[in-house]
Amino acid sequence: MYKKILVMTAVDAEKEAVMRGIRGDRRFEVLAAGVGPVAAAVSTAIALASSSAAGGYDLVVSAGIGGGFVDEAPIGSIVVASEVIAADLGAETPEGFAGVDKLGFGTNRIPVEENMSCLLVETLRAAGLTAGYGAILTLSTVTGTAETAAMLAERIPGAAAEAMEGYGVASAAHRQGIPFIEIRAISNAVGPRDKAAWRIGDALAALEAASTYLSEVTS
């Protein structure tokens, strides 16, 4: 059982969906970190430092809505990360993009708590929810063209979803040696920005449902 769990969302609408899902489970603290990996990392680091005197957290979760890659994560589904990848952290080269790992400056990838992630996926599926397990990309600039979506899918095979905060939250948790998972409810397809096709309400409802089962599997 996890005794104290930190959940970081980007915005208040996501925070409220998670809070509805956990239904008053006092083990959870849910905070809105702000948009993007930098805000997410800073807010998570502050929360972790503030809690250290009280025993700290057992698990850190990045949760929210995001874009799903076509054929990997349909709109309205849930993706649980198999790993978190900073997809645009690196440099352009004549041969294409080179991540900081290839440049020798660190890593673009942070592992998740695999057992908990797999258990959550299994539980969601058993409950009849559409849930996938795959890499979730963190980008500072959300994908807005079919060309960029295709490039990312080719460069990172198996990428299931993209969002803007996971790598930042994961970095702060990883530095403290705290297990981490990421959950994304899919509101739109990765690619051309067509707001008329976005289903934010459905994604927030899916995030609420996923949070209900997160509370269950961490008990």
Protein backbone atom coordinates (compact mmCIF):
# COMPACT_ATOMS: atom_id res chain seq x y z
CA MET A 1 0.00 0.00 0.00
CA TYR A 2 1.19 3.49 -0.86
CA LYS A 3 0.69 5.76 2.15
CA LYS A 4 1.23 9.15 0.51
CA ILE A 5 0.86 9.88 -3.20
CA LEU A 6 1.55 13.12 -5.08
CA VAL A 7 -0.41 13.73 -8.28
CA MET A 8 0.69 16.59 -10.52
CA THR A 9 -1.60 17.93 -13.24
CA ALA A 10 -1.03 20.89 -15.52
CA VAL A 11 -4.29 22.81 -15.01
CA ASP A 12 -7.18 23.00 -12.57
CA ALA A 13 -9.66 21.15 -14.82
CA GLU A 14 -7.38 18.09 -14.73
CA LYS A 15 -6.84 18.49 -10.99
CA GLU A 16 -10.59 18.55 -10.38
CA ALA A 17 -11.13 15.43 -12.53
CA VAL A 18 -8.50 13.54 -10.53
CA MET A 19 -9.99 14.70 -7.23
CA ARG A 20 -13.44 13.52 -8.26
CA GLY A 21 -11.93 10.16 -9.17
CA ILE A 22 -10.06 9.57 -5.91
CA ARG A 23 -13.23 10.34 -3.95
CA GLY A 24 -11.67 11.83 -0.89
CA ASP A 25 -8.84 9.31 -0.54
CA ARG A 26 -6.64 11.14 1.98
CA ARG A 27 -3.45 9.43 0.80
CA PHE A 28 -3.47 11.66 -2.29
CA GLU A 29 -2.32 15.26 -2.67
CA VAL A 30 -3.30 16.69 -6.07
CA LEU A 31 -1.62 19.86 -7.33
CA ALA A 32 -1.78 21.87 -10.54
CA ALA A 33 1.83 22.45 -11.58
CA GLY A 34 1.36 24.71 -14.59
CA VAL A 35 1.89 23.99 -18.28
CA GLY A 36 5.11 22.62 -19.71
CA PRO A 37 8.06 20.56 -18.46
CA VAL A 38 9.83 23.41 -16.65
CA ALA A 39 6.80 24.46 -14.60
CA ALA A 40 6.06 20.80 -13.90
CA ALA A 41 9.60 20.07 -12.70
CA VAL A 42 9.81 23.16 -10.50
CA SER A 43 6.38 22.65 -8.92
CA THR A 44 7.04 18.96 -8.30
CA ALA A 45 10.45 19.63 -6.76
CA ILE A 46 8.94 22.22 -4.40
CA ALA A 47 6.17 19.82 -3.37
CA LEU A 48 8.65 17.02 -2.73
CA ALA A 49 10.94 19.25 -0.70
CA SER A 50 8.03 20.58 1.35
CA SER A 51 6.87 17.07 2.23
CA SER A 52 10.26 15.64 3.18
CA ALA A 53 10.01 16.63 6.84
CA ALA A 54 6.69 14.80 7.08
CA GLY A 55 8.05 11.57 5.65
CA GLY A 56 7.73 12.33 1.96
CA TYR A 57 5.77 10.62 -0.79
CA ASP A 58 5.75 6.95 -1.79
CA LEU A 59 4.63 7.56 -5.37
CA VAL A 60 4.52 10.49 -7.80
CA VAL A 61 1.99 10.59 -10.64
CA SER A 62 1.83 12.89 -13.67
CA ALA A 63 -1.81 12.92 -14.79
CA GLY A 64 -3.83 14.82 -17.32
CA ILE A 65 -5.15 14.85 -20.85
CA GLY A 66 -3.04 14.61 -23.99
CA GLY A 67 -2.82 13.73 -27.64
CA GLY A 68 -2.86 10.17 -28.88
CA PHE A 69 -0.93 8.79 -31.83
CA VAL A 70 -3.17 7.37 -34.53
CA ASP A 71 -3.50 3.56 -34.31
CA GLU A 72 -1.99 3.62 -30.81
CA ALA A 73 -4.40 5.59 -28.61
CA PRO A 74 -7.92 6.54 -29.76
CA ILE A 75 -9.68 9.62 -28.48
CA GLY A 76 -11.36 8.92 -25.15
CA SER A 77 -8.93 6.16 -24.21
CA ILE A 78 -6.36 6.12 -21.42
CA VAL A 79 -2.62 5.66 -21.84
CA VAL A 80 -0.38 4.57 -18.99
CA ALA A 81 3.29 5.25 -19.69
CA SER A 82 5.77 2.43 -20.21
CA GLU A 83 8.45 5.12 -20.17
CA VAL A 84 8.63 8.90 -20.39
CA ILE A 85 10.60 10.48 -23.22
CA ALA A 86 11.63 14.12 -23.67
CA ALA A 87 11.09 14.07 -27.42
CA ASP A 88 12.44 17.52 -28.26
CA LEU A 89 15.32 17.78 -25.78
CA GLY A 90 18.44 17.78 -27.94
CA ALA A 91 19.82 19.32 -31.10
CA GLU A 92 19.19 19.45 -34.82
CA THR A 93 21.96 17.91 -36.90
CA PRO A 94 22.45 17.39 -40.65
CA GLU A 95 21.36 13.77 -40.04
CA GLY A 96 18.23 14.82 -38.11
CA PHE A 97 17.34 15.21 -34.45
CA ALA A 98 19.86 14.05 -31.84
CA GLY A 99 18.65 13.70 -28.27
CA VAL A 100 20.77 14.67 -25.29
CA ASP A 101 21.52 10.99 -24.77
CA LYS A 102 23.22 10.79 -28.17
CA LEU A 103 24.97 14.09 -27.49
CA GLY A 104 26.38 12.72 -24.24
CA PHE A 105 24.61 15.22 -21.98
CA GLY A 106 22.25 12.97 -20.05
CA THR A 107 19.14 11.05 -21.00
CA ASN A 108 15.88 11.70 -22.82
CA ARG A 109 14.18 8.75 -21.12
CA ILE A 110 13.03 8.17 -17.56
CA PRO A 111 11.66 4.79 -16.44
CA VAL A 112 8.32 4.34 -14.71
CA GLU A 113 7.32 2.09 -11.82
CA GLU A 114 6.58 -0.84 -14.11
CA ASN A 115 4.65 -3.11 -11.76
CA MET A 116 2.21 -0.39 -10.74
CA SER A 117 1.82 0.81 -14.32
CA CYS A 118 1.04 -2.67 -15.63
CA LEU A 119 -1.34 -3.36 -12.76
CA LEU A 120 -3.22 -0.14 -13.48
CA VAL A 121 -3.56 -1.01 -17.17
CA GLU A 122 -4.85 -4.49 -16.34
CA THR A 123 -7.32 -3.06 -13.83
CA LEU A 124 -8.62 -0.45 -16.27
CA ARG A 125 -9.09 -3.04 -18.97
CA ALA A 126 -10.83 -5.43 -16.59
CA ALA A 127 -13.24 -2.61 -15.77
CA GLY A 128 -14.10 -2.27 -19.46
CA LEU A 129 -12.11 0.89 -20.13
CA THR A 130 -9.95 1.32 -23.22
CA ALA A 131 -6.41 1.52 -21.86
CA GLY A 132 -3.03 1.31 -23.57
CA TYR A 133 0.52 0.91 -22.34
CA GLY A 134 3.24 2.70 -24.24
CA ALA A 135 5.76 5.52 -24.31
CA ILE A 136 4.40 8.98 -23.53
CA LEU A 137 6.34 11.84 -25.10
CA THR A 138 6.93 15.17 -23.40
CA LEU A 139 7.27 18.16 -25.71
CA SER A 140 7.55 21.88 -25.03
CA THR A 141 5.79 22.53 -28.35
CA VAL A 142 2.67 20.47 -28.98
CA THR A 143 2.61 18.75 -32.37
CA GLY A 144 0.49 20.61 -34.91
CA THR A 145 1.16 19.02 -38.29
CA ALA A 146 0.85 15.60 -39.87
CA GLU A 147 4.51 15.80 -40.87
CA THR A 148 5.73 16.27 -37.31
CA ALA A 149 3.42 13.52 -36.05
CA ALA A 150 4.79 11.12 -38.66
CA MET A 151 8.38 12.11 -37.84
CA LEU A 152 7.87 11.47 -34.12
CA ALA A 153 6.16 8.13 -34.75
CA GLU A 154 9.04 7.05 -36.99
CA ARG A 155 11.77 8.28 -34.65
CA ILE A 156 10.16 6.79 -31.53
CA PRO A 157 8.45 3.52 -32.51
CA GLY A 158 5.57 2.61 -30.23
CA ALA A 159 4.98 6.16 -29.00
CA ALA A 160 1.39 6.18 -27.75
CA ALA A 161 0.72 9.72 -26.56
CA GLU A 162 2.20 13.16 -26.12
CA ALA A 163 1.80 15.83 -23.46
CA MET A 164 3.86 18.64 -21.96
CA GLU A 165 4.61 17.79 -18.32
CA GLY A 166 5.51 14.14 -17.75
CA TYR A 167 9.28 14.39 -18.16
CA GLY A 168 9.44 17.37 -15.81
CA VAL A 169 7.47 15.60 -13.08
CA ALA A 170 9.44 12.40 -13.63
CA SER A 171 12.78 14.23 -13.40
CA ALA A 172 11.93 15.67 -9.99
CA ALA A 173 10.70 12.31 -8.69
CA HIS A 174 13.67 10.43 -10.14
CA ARG A 175 16.14 12.80 -8.44
CA GLN A 176 14.54 11.92 -5.10
CA GLY A 177 14.40 8.19 -5.83
CA ILE A 178 10.59 8.14 -5.68
CA PRO A 179 8.63 5.78 -7.97
CA PHE A 180 6.80 7.53 -10.80
CA ILE A 181 3.98 6.80 -13.23
CA GLU A 182 2.19 8.85 -15.89
CA ILE A 183 -1.46 8.65 -16.97
CA ARG A 184 -2.95 10.45 -19.97
CA ALA A 185 -6.56 10.54 -21.11
CA ILE A 186 -6.70 11.19 -24.85
CA SER A 187 -8.57 14.30 -26.02
CA ASN A 188 -7.29 14.56 -29.59
CA ALA A 189 -5.15 12.90 -32.23
CA VAL A 190 -1.51 13.94 -32.50
CA GLY A 191 -1.23 15.93 -35.72
CA PRO A 192 -2.99 18.92 -37.31
CA ARG A 193 -4.66 21.14 -34.71
CA ASP A 194 -8.39 20.76 -35.25
CA LYS A 195 -10.05 22.08 -32.09
CA ALA A 196 -13.48 21.18 -33.43
CA ALA A 197 -12.47 17.51 -33.20
CA TRP A 198 -11.11 17.71 -29.66
CA ARG A 199 -13.13 15.90 -27.00
CA ILE A 200 -11.83 17.48 -23.83
CA GLY A 201 -14.95 16.64 -21.84
CA ASP A 202 -14.67 12.95 -22.75
CA ALA A 203 -10.96 12.98 -21.88
CA LEU A 204 -11.60 14.56 -18.48
CA ALA A 205 -14.28 11.95 -17.80
CA ALA A 206 -11.78 9.22 -18.72
CA LEU A 207 -9.19 10.82 -16.44
CA GLU A 208 -11.70 10.79 -13.60
CA ALA A 209 -12.42 7.11 -14.20
CA ALA A 210 -8.72 6.25 -14.34
CA SER A 211 -8.17 8.10 -11.06
CA THR A 212 -10.84 5.99 -9.39
CA TYR A 213 -8.91 2.84 -10.25
CA LEU A 214 -5.58 4.46 -9.37
CA SER A 215 -6.93 4.88 -5.86
CA GLU A 216 -7.96 1.22 -5.89
CA VAL A 217 -4.69 -0.31 -7.11
CA THR A 218 -2.53 1.75 -4.71
CA SER A 219 -4.48 0.58 -1.64
